[in-house]
PDB file of N, CA and C in Angstrom:
ATOM      1  N   UNK A   1       0.954  -1.098  -0.097  1.00  0.00           N
ATOM      2  CA  UNK A   1       0.007   0.056   0.106  1.00  0.00           C
ATOM      3  C   UNK A   1       0.757   1.166   0.020  1.00  0.00           C
ATOM      4  N   UNK A   2       1.720   1.202   0.594  1.00  0.00           N
ATOM      5  CA  UNK A   2       3.006   2.277   0.626  1.00  0.00           C
ATOM      6  C   UNK A   2       3.412   2.544  -0.744  1.00  0.00           C
ATOM      7  N   UNK A   3       3.796   2.145  -1.542  1.00  0.00           N
ATOM      8  CA  UNK A   3       3.739   2.267  -3.040  1.00  0.00           C
ATOM      9  C   UNK A   3       2.757   3.076  -3.670  1.00  0.00           C
ATOM     10  N   UNK A   4       1.015   2.153  -3.452  1.00  0.00           N
ATOM     11  CA  UNK A   4       0.220   2.736  -4.221  1.00  0.00           C
ATOM     12  C   UNK A   4      -0.118   4.236  -3.651  1.00  0.00           C
ATOM     13  N   UNK A   5       0.363   4.324  -2.563  1.00  0.00           N
ATOM     14  CA  UNK A   5      -0.200   5.961  -1.819  1.00  0.00           C
ATOM     15  C   UNK A   5       0.832   6.525  -2.230  1.00  0.00           C
ATOM     16  N   UNK A   6       1.724   6.269  -2.537  1.00  0.00           N
ATOM     17  CA  UNK A   6       2.967   7.422  -3.114  1.00  0.00           C
ATOM     18  C   UNK A   6       2.287   7.746  -4.555  1.00  0.00           C
ATOM     19  N   UNK A   7       2.058   6.816  -4.978  1.00  0.00           N
ATOM     20  CA  UNK A   7       1.744   7.292  -6.597  1.00  0.00           C
ATOM     21  C   UNK A   7       0.320   7.904  -6.766  1.00  0.00           C
ATOM     22  N   UNK A   8      -0.611   7.671  -5.799  1.00  0.00           N
ATOM     23  CA  UNK A   8      -1.825   8.211  -5.575  1.00  0.00           C
ATOM     24  C   UNK A   8      -1.430   9.838  -5.264  1.00  0.00           C
ATOM     25  N   UNK A   9      -0.303  10.304  -4.072  1.00  0.00           N
ATOM     26  CA  UNK A   9      -0.219  11.447  -3.836  1.00  0.00           C
ATOM     27  C   UNK A   9       0.681  12.125  -5.152  1.00  0.00           C
ATOM     28  N   UNK A  10       0.896  11.821  -5.796  1.00  0.00           N
ATOM     29  CA  UNK A  10       2.011  11.901  -7.191  1.00  0.00           C
ATOM     30  C   UNK A  10       0.794  12.334  -8.104  1.00  0.00           C
ATOM     31  N   UNK A  11      -0.505  11.733  -8.049  1.00  0.00           N
ATOM     32  CA  UNK A  11      -1.824  12.144  -8.902  1.00  0.00           C
ATOM     33  C   UNK A  11      -1.641  10.886  -9.811  1.00  0.00           C
ATOM     34  N   UNK A  12      -1.169  10.014  -9.883  1.00  0.00           N
ATOM     35  CA  UNK A  12      -1.496   8.785 -10.971  1.00  0.00           C
ATOM     36  C   UNK A  12      -2.528   8.156 -10.470  1.00  0.00           C
ATOM     37  N   UNK A  13      -3.199   7.334 -11.140  1.00  0.00           N
ATOM     38  CA  UNK A  13      -4.258   6.531 -10.960  1.00  0.00           C
ATOM     39  C   UNK A  13      -3.876   4.959 -10.552  1.00  0.00           C
ATOM     40  N   UNK A  14      -4.618   4.459  -9.449  1.00  0.00           N
ATOM     41  CA  UNK A  14      -4.215   2.878  -8.918  1.00  0.00           C
ATOM     42  C   UNK A  14      -5.806   2.495  -9.232  1.00  0.00           C
ATOM     43  N   UNK A  15      -5.787   0.990  -9.358  1.00  0.00           N
ATOM     44  CA  UNK A  15      -6.432   0.437  -9.263  1.00  0.00           C
ATOM     45  C   UNK A  15      -6.534  -0.954  -8.235  1.00  0.00           C
ATOM     46  N   UNK A  16      -7.424  -1.200  -7.396  1.00  0.00           N
ATOM     47  CA  UNK A  16      -7.461  -2.278  -6.500  1.00  0.00           C
ATOM     48  C   UNK A  16      -8.093  -3.330  -6.350  1.00  0.00           C
ATOM     49  N   UNK A  17      -8.240  -4.280  -6.635  1.00  0.00           N
ATOM     50  CA  UNK A  17      -9.097  -5.379  -6.576  1.00  0.00           C
ATOM     51  C   UNK A  17      -9.004  -6.421  -5.244  1.00  0.00           C
ATOM     52  N   UNK A  18     -10.177  -6.226  -4.397  1.00  0.00           N
ATOM     53  CA  UNK A  18      -9.980  -6.803  -3.155  1.00  0.00           C
ATOM     54  C   UNK A  18     -10.811  -8.129  -2.788  1.00  0.00           C
ATOM     55  N   UNK A  19     -10.534  -9.231  -2.721  1.00  0.00           N
ATOM     56  CA  UNK A  19     -10.904 -10.329  -2.844  1.00  0.00           C
ATOM     57  C   UNK A  19     -11.288 -11.247  -1.408  1.00  0.00           C
ATOM     58  N   UNK A  20     -10.474 -10.697  -0.448  1.00  0.00           N
ATOM     59  CA  UNK A  20     -10.682 -11.388   0.838  1.00  0.00           C
ATOM     60  C   UNK A  20     -11.357 -10.607   1.995  1.00  0.00           C
ATOM     61  N   UNK A  21     -11.807  -9.331   1.555  1.00  0.00           N
ATOM     62  CA  UNK A  21     -12.291  -8.167   2.226  1.00  0.00           C
ATOM     63  C   UNK A  21     -13.234  -7.128   1.931  1.00  0.00           C
ATOM     64  N   UNK A  22     -14.031  -6.446   2.497  1.00  0.00           N
ATOM     65  CA  UNK A  22     -14.643  -5.621   2.052  1.00  0.00           C
ATOM     66  C   UNK A  22     -13.929  -4.134   1.927  1.00  0.00           C
ATOM     67  N   UNK A  23     -14.555  -3.582   1.028  1.00  0.00           N
ATOM     68  CA  UNK A  23     -13.870  -2.207   0.577  1.00  0.00           C
ATOM     69  C   UNK A  23     -13.966  -1.334   2.020  1.00  0.00           C
ATOM     70  N   UNK A  24     -14.651  -1.317   2.475  1.00  0.00           N
ATOM     71  CA  UNK A  24     -14.852  -0.727   4.100  1.00  0.00           C
ATOM     72  C   UNK A  24     -13.738  -1.268   4.852  1.00  0.00           C
ATOM     73  N   UNK A  25     -13.537  -2.634   5.392  1.00  0.00           N
ATOM     74  CA  UNK A  25     -12.495  -2.826   5.997  1.00  0.00           C
ATOM     75  C   UNK A  25     -11.257  -2.593   5.469  1.00  0.00           C
ATOM     76  N   UNK A  26     -10.652  -2.917   4.223  1.00  0.00           N
ATOM     77  CA  UNK A  26      -9.596  -2.409   3.405  1.00  0.00           C
ATOM     78  C   UNK A  26      -9.253  -0.653   3.479  1.00  0.00           C
ATOM     79  N   UNK A  27     -10.239   0.123   3.204  1.00  0.00           N
ATOM     80  CA  UNK A  27     -10.146   1.193   3.561  1.00  0.00           C
ATOM     81  C   UNK A  27      -9.621   1.635   5.585  1.00  0.00           C
ATOM     82  N   UNK A  28     -10.489   1.178   6.277  1.00  0.00           N
ATOM     83  CA  UNK A  28     -10.234   1.150   7.646  1.00  0.00           C
ATOM     84  C   UNK A  28      -8.758   0.584   7.926  1.00  0.00           C
ATOM     85  N   UNK A  29      -8.555  -0.720   7.144  1.00  0.00           N
ATOM     86  CA  UNK A  29      -6.853  -0.811   7.515  1.00  0.00           C
ATOM     87  C   UNK A  29      -5.740  -0.100   6.784  1.00  0.00           C
ATOM     88  N   UNK A  30      -6.210   0.598   5.946  1.00  0.00           N
ATOM     89  CA  UNK A  30      -5.090   1.513   5.439  1.00  0.00           C
ATOM     90  C   UNK A  30      -5.206   2.638   6.211  1.00  0.00           C
ATOM     91  N   UNK A  31      -6.005   3.063   6.917  1.00  0.00           N
ATOM     92  CA  UNK A  31      -6.422   4.340   7.559  1.00  0.00           C
ATOM     93  C   UNK A  31      -5.703   3.802   8.908  1.00  0.00           C
ATOM     94  N   UNK A  32      -5.440   2.906   9.432  1.00  0.00           N
ATOM     95  CA  UNK A  32      -4.917   2.184  10.531  1.00  0.00           C
ATOM     96  C   UNK A  32      -3.202   2.417  10.075  1.00  0.00           C
ATOM     97  N   UNK A  33      -2.915   2.520   8.813  1.00  0.00           N
ATOM     98  CA  UNK A  33      -1.418   2.755   9.297  1.00  0.00           C
ATOM     99  C   UNK A  33      -0.832   3.971   8.538  1.00  0.00           C
ATOM    100  N   UNK A  34      -2.279   4.755   8.744  1.00  0.00           N
ATOM    101  CA  UNK A  34      -1.845   6.306   8.352  1.00  0.00           C
ATOM    102  C   UNK A  34      -1.977   6.746   6.920  1.00  0.00           C
ATOM    103  N   UNK A  35      -2.312   5.794   6.033  1.00  0.00           N
ATOM    104  CA  UNK A  35      -2.638   6.085   4.682  1.00  0.00           C
ATOM    105  C   UNK A  35      -4.388   6.356   4.540  1.00  0.00           C
ATOM    106  N   UNK A  36      -4.688   7.584   4.396  1.00  0.00           N
ATOM    107  CA  UNK A  36      -5.850   7.706   4.149  1.00  0.00           C
ATOM    108  C   UNK A  36      -6.507   8.064   2.698  1.00  0.00           C
ATOM    109  N   UNK A  37      -7.347   6.516   2.393  1.00  0.00           N
ATOM    110  CA  UNK A  37      -7.393   6.633   1.020  1.00  0.00           C
ATOM    111  C   UNK A  37      -9.005   7.238   0.307  1.00  0.00           C
ATOM    112  N   UNK A  38      -9.740   7.404   1.123  1.00  0.00           N
ATOM    113  CA  UNK A  38     -10.876   7.543   0.745  1.00  0.00           C
ATOM    114  C   UNK A  38     -10.892   8.887  -0.341  1.00  0.00           C
ATOM    115  N   UNK A  39     -10.325   9.587   0.190  1.00  0.00           N
ATOM    116  CA  UNK A  39     -10.351  11.062  -0.584  1.00  0.00           C
ATOM    117  C   UNK A  39     -10.053  10.704  -1.980  1.00  0.00           C
ATOM    118  N   UNK A  40      -8.892   9.600  -2.226  1.00  0.00           N
ATOM    119  CA  UNK A  40      -8.410   9.329  -3.635  1.00  0.00           C
ATOM    120  C   UNK A  40     -10.057   8.226  -4.554  1.00  0.00           C
ATOM    121  N   UNK A  41     -10.398   7.542  -3.602  1.00  0.00           N
ATOM    122  CA  UNK A  41     -11.505   6.906  -4.192  1.00  0.00           C
ATOM    123  C   UNK A  41     -12.510   8.037  -4.742  1.00  0.00           C
ATOM    124  N   UNK A  42     -12.409   8.875  -3.721  1.00  0.00           N
ATOM    125  CA  UNK A  42     -13.792  10.149  -4.125  1.00  0.00           C
ATOM    126  C   UNK A  42     -13.261  10.926  -5.053  1.00  0.00           C
ATOM    127  N   UNK A  43     -11.878  11.164  -5.639  1.00  0.00           N
ATOM    128  CA  UNK A  43     -11.375  12.009  -6.760  1.00  0.00           C
ATOM    129  C   UNK A  43     -11.555  11.004  -8.159  1.00  0.00           C
ATOM    130  N   UNK A  44     -11.802   9.733  -7.784  1.00  0.00           N
ATOM    131  CA  UNK A  44     -11.330   8.866  -8.676  1.00  0.00           C
ATOM    132  C   UNK A  44      -9.913   7.993  -9.392  1.00  0.00           C
ATOM    133  N   UNK A  45      -8.982   8.815  -8.607  1.00  0.00           N
ATOM    134  CA  UNK A  45      -7.550   8.256  -8.464  1.00  0.00           C
ATOM    135  C   UNK A  45      -7.285   6.989  -8.295  1.00  0.00           C
ATOM    136  N   UNK A  46      -8.298   6.381  -7.253  1.00  0.00           N
ATOM    137  CA  UNK A  46      -8.011   5.200  -6.618  1.00  0.00           C
ATOM    138  C   UNK A  46      -9.479   4.426  -6.894  1.00  0.00           C
ATOM    139  N   UNK A  47      -9.385   3.479  -8.091  1.00  0.00           N
ATOM    140  CA  UNK A  47     -10.581   2.659  -8.175  1.00  0.00           C
ATOM    141  C   UNK A  47     -10.287   1.417  -7.583  1.00  0.00           C
ATOM    142  N   UNK A  48     -11.484   1.296  -6.230  1.00  0.00           N
ATOM    143  CA  UNK A  48     -11.530   0.258  -5.288  1.00  0.00           C
ATOM    144  C   UNK A  48     -12.640  -0.611  -5.418  1.00  0.00           C
ATOM    145  N   UNK A  49     -12.436  -2.217  -6.402  1.00  0.00           N
ATOM    146  CA  UNK A  49     -13.462  -2.737  -6.097  1.00  0.00           C
ATOM    147  C   UNK A  49     -13.059  -4.123  -5.499  1.00  0.00           C
ATOM    148  N   UNK A  50     -14.459  -4.186  -4.866  1.00  0.00           N
ATOM    149  CA  UNK A  50     -14.751  -5.629  -4.093  1.00  0.00           C
ATOM    150  C   UNK A  50     -15.161  -6.678  -4.980  1.00  0.00           C
ATOM    151  N   UNK A  51     -14.187  -8.032  -5.235  1.00  0.00           N
ATOM    152  CA  UNK A  51     -14.849  -8.973  -6.137  1.00  0.00           C
ATOM    153  C   UNK A  51     -15.534  -9.891  -5.323  1.00  0.00           C
ATOM    154  N   UNK A  52     -16.378 -10.086  -5.870  1.00  0.00           N
ATOM    155  CA  UNK A  52     -17.446 -11.288  -5.366  1.00  0.00           C
ATOM    156  C   UNK A  52     -16.904 -12.377  -6.677  1.00  0.00           C
ATOM    157  N   UNK A  53     -16.418 -13.752  -6.593  1.00  0.00           N
ATOM    158  CA  UNK A  53     -16.262 -14.219  -7.482  1.00  0.00           C
ATOM    159  C   UNK A  53     -17.456 -15.012  -7.952  1.00  0.00           C
ATOM    160  N   UNK A  54     -18.475 -15.245  -6.819  1.00  0.00           N
ATOM    161  CA  UNK A  54     -19.582 -15.691  -7.716  1.00  0.00           C
ATOM    162  C   UNK A  54     -20.243 -15.093  -8.835  1.00  0.00           C
ATOM    163  N   UNK A  55     -20.063 -13.795  -8.950  1.00  0.00           N
ATOM    164  CA  UNK A  55     -20.751 -12.708  -9.679  1.00  0.00           C
ATOM    165  C   UNK A  55     -19.873 -12.635 -11.031  1.00  0.00           C
ATOM    166  N   UNK A  56     -18.526 -13.040 -11.015  1.00  0.00           N
ATOM    167  CA  UNK A  56     -17.503 -12.385 -12.151  1.00  0.00           C
ATOM    168  C   UNK A  56     -16.620 -13.721 -12.217  1.00  0.00           C
ATOM    169  N   UNK A  57     -16.809 -13.698 -13.856  1.00  0.00           N
ATOM    170  CA  UNK A  57     -15.828 -15.034 -14.354  1.00  0.00           C
ATOM    171  C   UNK A  57     -14.570 -14.328 -14.274  1.00  0.00           C
ATOM    172  N   UNK A  58     -13.472 -15.908 -14.639  1.00  0.00           N
ATOM    173  CA  UNK A  58     -12.004 -15.325 -14.936  1.00  0.00           C
ATOM    174  C   UNK A  58     -11.746 -14.160 -16.032  1.00  0.00           C
ATOM    175  N   UNK A  59     -12.776 -14.667 -16.811  1.00  0.00           N
ATOM    176  CA  UNK A  59     -12.309 -13.800 -18.271  1.00  0.00           C
ATOM    177  C   UNK A  59     -12.696 -12.201 -17.931  1.00  0.00           C
ATOM    178  N   UNK A  60     -14.091 -12.374 -17.522  1.00  0.00           N
ATOM    179  CA  UNK A  60     -14.685 -10.723 -16.885  1.00  0.00           C
ATOM    180  C   UNK A  60     -13.908 -10.308 -15.946  1.00  0.00           C
ATOM    181  N   UNK A  61     -13.232 -10.921 -14.964  1.00  0.00           N
ATOM    182  CA  UNK A  61     -12.608 -10.097 -14.468  1.00  0.00           C
ATOM    183  C   UNK A  61     -10.814  -9.556 -15.193  1.00  0.00           C
ATOM    184  N   UNK A  62     -10.538 -10.797 -15.848  1.00  0.00           N
ATOM    185  CA  UNK A  62      -9.358  -9.903 -16.720  1.00  0.00           C
ATOM    186  C   UNK A  62      -9.856  -8.972 -17.401  1.00  0.00           C
ATOM    187  N   UNK A  63     -10.780  -8.841 -18.106  1.00  0.00           N
ATOM    188  CA  UNK A  63     -11.408  -8.006 -18.895  1.00  0.00           C
ATOM    189  C   UNK A  63     -11.670  -6.342 -17.908  1.00  0.00           C
ATOM    190  N   UNK A  64     -12.153  -6.760 -16.747  1.00  0.00           N
ATOM    191  CA  UNK A  64     -12.237  -5.405 -15.834  1.00  0.00           C
ATOM    192  C   UNK A  64     -10.990  -4.641 -15.838  1.00  0.00           C
ATOM    193  N   UNK A  65     -10.134  -5.824 -15.289  1.00  0.00           N
ATOM    194  CA  UNK A  65      -8.657  -5.038 -15.256  1.00  0.00           C
ATOM    195  C   UNK A  65      -7.945  -4.598 -16.114  1.00  0.00           C
ATOM    196  N   UNK A  66      -8.195  -5.198 -17.472  1.00  0.00           N
ATOM    197  CA  UNK A  66      -7.298  -4.784 -18.744  1.00  0.00           C
ATOM    198  C   UNK A  66      -8.212  -3.103 -18.910  1.00  0.00           C
ATOM    199  N   UNK A  67      -9.624  -3.205 -18.899  1.00  0.00           N
ATOM    200  CA  UNK A  67     -10.277  -1.940 -18.934  1.00  0.00           C
ATOM    201  C   UNK A  67      -9.492  -0.785 -18.206  1.00  0.00           C
ATOM    202  N   UNK A  68      -9.372  -1.176 -16.846  1.00  0.00           N
ATOM    203  CA  UNK A  68      -8.835  -0.060 -15.848  1.00  0.00           C
ATOM    204  C   UNK A  68      -7.716   0.458 -16.603  1.00  0.00           C
ATOM    205  N   UNK A  69      -6.460  -0.137 -17.095  1.00  0.00           N
ATOM    206  CA  UNK A  69      -5.322   0.000 -17.318  1.00  0.00           C
ATOM    207  C   UNK A  69      -6.039   1.047 -18.657  1.00  0.00           C
ATOM    208  N   UNK A  70      -6.663   0.512 -19.761  1.00  0.00           N
ATOM    209  CA  UNK A  70      -6.528   1.160 -21.042  1.00  0.00           C
ATOM    210  C   UNK A  70      -7.236   2.216 -21.129  1.00  0.00           C
ATOM    211  N   UNK A  71      -8.572   2.435 -20.691  1.00  0.00           N
ATOM    212  CA  UNK A  71      -9.592   2.998 -20.483  1.00  0.00           C
ATOM    213  C   UNK A  71      -9.703   3.977 -19.321  1.00  0.00           C
ATOM    214  N   UNK A  72      -8.763   3.700 -18.134  1.00  0.00           N
ATOM    215  CA  UNK A  72      -8.775   4.792 -17.096  1.00  0.00           C
ATOM    216  C   UNK A  72      -7.688   4.969 -16.673  1.00  0.00           C
ATOM    217  N   UNK A  73      -6.520   4.867 -17.689  1.00  0.00           N
ATOM    218  CA  UNK A  73      -5.024   5.323 -17.080  1.00  0.00           C
ATOM    219  C   UNK A  73      -4.363   4.917 -15.958  1.00  0.00           C
ATOM    220  N   UNK A  74      -4.939   3.715 -15.452  1.00  0.00           N
ATOM    221  CA  UNK A  74      -4.601   3.186 -14.071  1.00  0.00           C
ATOM    222  C   UNK A  74      -3.026   3.114 -14.267  1.00  0.00           C
ATOM    223  N   UNK A  75      -1.855   3.110 -13.500  1.00  0.00           N
ATOM    224  CA  UNK A  75      -0.683   2.815 -13.865  1.00  0.00           C
ATOM    225  C   UNK A  75      -0.167   1.930 -13.093  1.00  0.00           C
ATOM    226  N   UNK A  76      -0.818   1.588 -11.778  1.00  0.00           N
ATOM    227  CA  UNK A  76      -0.697   0.460 -10.817  1.00  0.00           C
ATOM    228  C   UNK A  76      -2.041  -0.154 -10.492  1.00  0.00           C
ATOM    229  N   UNK A  77      -1.737  -1.508 -10.505  1.00  0.00           N
ATOM    230  CA  UNK A  77      -2.770  -2.660 -10.239  1.00  0.00           C
ATOM    231  C   UNK A  77      -2.388  -3.551  -9.086  1.00  0.00           C
ATOM    232  N   UNK A  78      -3.108  -3.221  -8.059  1.00  0.00           N
ATOM    233  CA  UNK A  78      -3.158  -4.081  -6.778  1.00  0.00           C
ATOM    234  C   UNK A  78      -3.982  -5.411  -6.737  1.00  0.00           C
ATOM    235  N   UNK A  79      -3.826  -6.633  -6.512  1.00  0.00           N
ATOM    236  CA  UNK A  79      -5.044  -7.640  -6.294  1.00  0.00           C
ATOM    237  C   UNK A  79      -4.432  -7.945  -4.869  1.00  0.00           C
ATOM    238  N   UNK A  80      -5.549  -8.185  -4.118  1.00  0.00           N
ATOM    239  CA  UNK A  80      -5.550  -8.303  -2.386  1.00  0.00           C
ATOM    240  C   UNK A  80      -6.651  -9.309  -2.402  1.00  0.00           C
ATOM    241  N   UNK A  81      -5.833 -10.562  -2.145  1.00  0.00           N
ATOM    242  CA  UNK A  81      -4.416 -11.254  -2.366  1.00  0.00           C
ATOM    243  C   UNK A  81      -4.304 -11.792  -3.417  1.00  0.00           C
ATOM    244  N   UNK A  82      -3.211 -11.963  -3.812  1.00  0.00           N
ATOM    245  CA  UNK A  82      -2.768 -13.121  -5.121  1.00  0.00           C
ATOM    246  C   UNK A  82      -3.828 -14.555  -4.670  1.00  0.00           C
ATOM    247  N   UNK A  83      -3.239 -15.012  -3.782  1.00  0.00           N
ATOM    248  CA  UNK A  83      -3.980 -16.009  -3.215  1.00  0.00           C
ATOM    249  C   UNK A  83      -5.642 -16.195  -3.121  1.00  0.00           C
ATOM    250  N   UNK A  84      -6.187 -14.738  -2.661  1.00  0.00           N
ATOM    251  CA  UNK A  84      -7.520 -14.878  -2.656  1.00  0.00           C
ATOM    252  C   UNK A  84      -7.954 -14.965  -4.057  1.00  0.00           C
ATOM    253  N   UNK A  85      -7.450 -14.527  -5.023  1.00  0.00           N
ATOM    254  CA  UNK A  85      -7.652 -14.151  -6.147  1.00  0.00           C
ATOM    255  C   UNK A  85      -7.784 -15.814  -7.033  1.00  0.00           C
ATOM    256  N   UNK A  86      -6.577 -16.141  -6.790  1.00  0.00           N
ATOM    257  CA  UNK A  86      -6.519 -17.781  -7.043  1.00  0.00           C
ATOM    258  C   UNK A  86      -7.324 -18.793  -6.653  1.00  0.00           C
ATOM    259  N   UNK A  87      -7.822 -18.622  -5.104  1.00  0.00           N
ATOM    260  CA  UNK A  87      -8.628 -19.641  -4.544  1.00  0.00           C
ATOM    261  C   UNK A  87     -10.395 -19.265  -5.073  1.00  0.00           C
ATOM    262  N   UNK A  88     -10.373 -17.957  -5.358  1.00  0.00           N
ATOM    263  CA  UNK A  88     -11.827 -17.346  -5.684  1.00  0.00           C
ATOM    264  C   UNK A  88     -12.222 -17.963  -7.322  1.00  0.00           C
ATOM    265  N   UNK A  89     -11.138 -18.079  -8.013  1.00  0.00           N
ATOM    266  CA  UNK A  89     -11.433 -18.495  -9.831  1.00  0.00           C
ATOM    267  C   UNK A  89     -11.204 -19.614  -9.434  1.00  0.00           C
ATOM    268  N   UNK A  90     -12.417 -20.687 -10.232  1.00  0.00           N
ATOM    269  CA  UNK A  90     -12.492 -22.113 -10.400  1.00  0.00           C
ATOM    270  C   UNK A  90     -11.521 -22.917 -11.336  1.00  0.00           C
ATOM    271  N   UNK A  91     -10.902 -21.963 -12.399  1.00  0.00           N
ATOM    272  CA  UNK A  91      -9.773 -22.945 -13.061  1.00  0.00           C
ATOM    273  C   UNK A  91      -8.436 -22.797 -13.340  1.00  0.00           C
ATOM    274  N   UNK A  92      -7.248 -22.825 -12.134  1.00  0.00           N
ATOM    275  CA  UNK A  92      -6.337 -22.201 -12.214  1.00  0.00           C
ATOM    276  C   UNK A  92      -5.754 -22.261 -13.914  1.00  0.00           C
ATOM    277  N   UNK A  93      -5.870 -23.190 -14.746  1.00  0.00           N
ATOM    278  CA  UNK A  93      -5.002 -23.169 -15.739  1.00  0.00           C
ATOM    279  C   UNK A  93      -5.833 -21.939 -16.565  1.00  0.00           C
ATOM    280  N   UNK A  94      -6.933 -21.690 -16.669  1.00  0.00           N
ATOM    281  CA  UNK A  94      -7.577 -20.392 -17.630  1.00  0.00           C
ATOM    282  C   UNK A  94      -6.816 -19.491 -16.788  1.00  0.00           C
ATOM    283  N   UNK A  95      -6.622 -19.400 -15.527  1.00  0.00           N
ATOM    284  CA  UNK A  95      -6.149 -18.064 -15.328  1.00  0.00           C
ATOM    285  C   UNK A  95      -4.822 -17.729 -15.464  1.00  0.00           C
ATOM    286  N   UNK A  96      -3.763 -19.063 -15.363  1.00  0.00           N
ATOM    287  CA  UNK A  96      -2.566 -18.493 -16.314  1.00  0.00           C
ATOM    288  C   UNK A  96      -2.677 -17.932 -17.652  1.00  0.00           C
ATOM    289  N   UNK A  97      -3.189 -18.630 -18.406  1.00  0.00           N
ATOM    290  CA  UNK A  97      -3.837 -18.114 -19.704  1.00  0.00           C
ATOM    291  C   UNK A  97      -4.074 -16.927 -20.023  1.00  0.00           C
ATOM    292  N   UNK A  98      -5.021 -16.518 -19.171  1.00  0.00           N
ATOM    293  CA  UNK A  98      -5.269 -15.102 -19.141  1.00  0.00           C
ATOM    294  C   UNK A  98      -4.561 -13.919 -18.733  1.00  0.00           C
ATOM    295  N   UNK A  99      -3.857 -14.550 -17.514  1.00  0.00           N
ATOM    296  CA  UNK A  99      -2.675 -13.629 -17.309  1.00  0.00           C
ATOM    297  C   UNK A  99      -1.573 -13.300 -18.416  1.00  0.00           C
ATOM    298  N   UNK A 100      -1.268 -14.466 -18.902  1.00  0.00           N
ATOM    299  CA  UNK A 100      -0.591 -14.397 -20.085  1.00  0.00           C
ATOM    300  C   UNK A 100      -1.002 -13.494 -21.500  1.00  0.00           C
ATOM    301  N   UNK A 101      -2.265 -13.666 -21.586  1.00  0.00           N
ATOM    302  CA  UNK A 101      -2.756 -12.710 -22.802  1.00  0.00           C
ATOM    303  C   UNK A 101      -3.048 -11.621 -22.501  1.00  0.00           C
ATOM    304  N   UNK A 102      -3.106 -11.077 -20.927  1.00  0.00           N
ATOM    305  CA  UNK A 102      -3.161  -9.434 -20.759  1.00  0.00           C
ATOM    306  C   UNK A 102      -1.880  -8.910 -19.936  1.00  0.00           C
ATOM    307  N   UNK A 103      -0.744  -9.600 -20.123  1.00  0.00           N
ATOM    308  CA  UNK A 103       0.308  -9.588 -19.812  1.00  0.00           C
ATOM    309  C   UNK A 103       0.394  -9.024 -17.847  1.00  0.00           C
ATOM    310  N   UNK A 104      -0.555 -10.103 -17.318  1.00  0.00           N
ATOM    311  CA  UNK A 104      -0.051  -9.663 -15.901  1.00  0.00           C
ATOM    312  C   UNK A 104       1.048  -9.925 -15.402  1.00  0.00           C
ATOM    313  N   UNK A 105       1.234  -9.485 -14.388  1.00  0.00           N
ATOM    314  CA  UNK A 105       2.953  -9.928 -13.748  1.00  0.00           C
ATOM    315  C   UNK A 105       2.617 -10.027 -12.534  1.00  0.00           C
TER     316      UNK A 105
END
């Protein structure tokens, strides 16, 4: 979060996809570490999205991630957490294919 906070403070756009906790808890946890993110969410610089894997397929998630970069100028993407992402999506082989095609790292 420190890197994301620094980029936000410099005016860059950041996208954060949260799998294991609510948006509210994420924001409160960051505030507990002295990183107030609500103002960045309000200005649109921080795109904070809680992901419910029951409502989003791996392909839809990859499309959303790609669109955040291409259409919204996001310069940093956070997946909180990568284990939550892998556990939430049903077909691990498809995930690796998706990340390869969309240049995830």
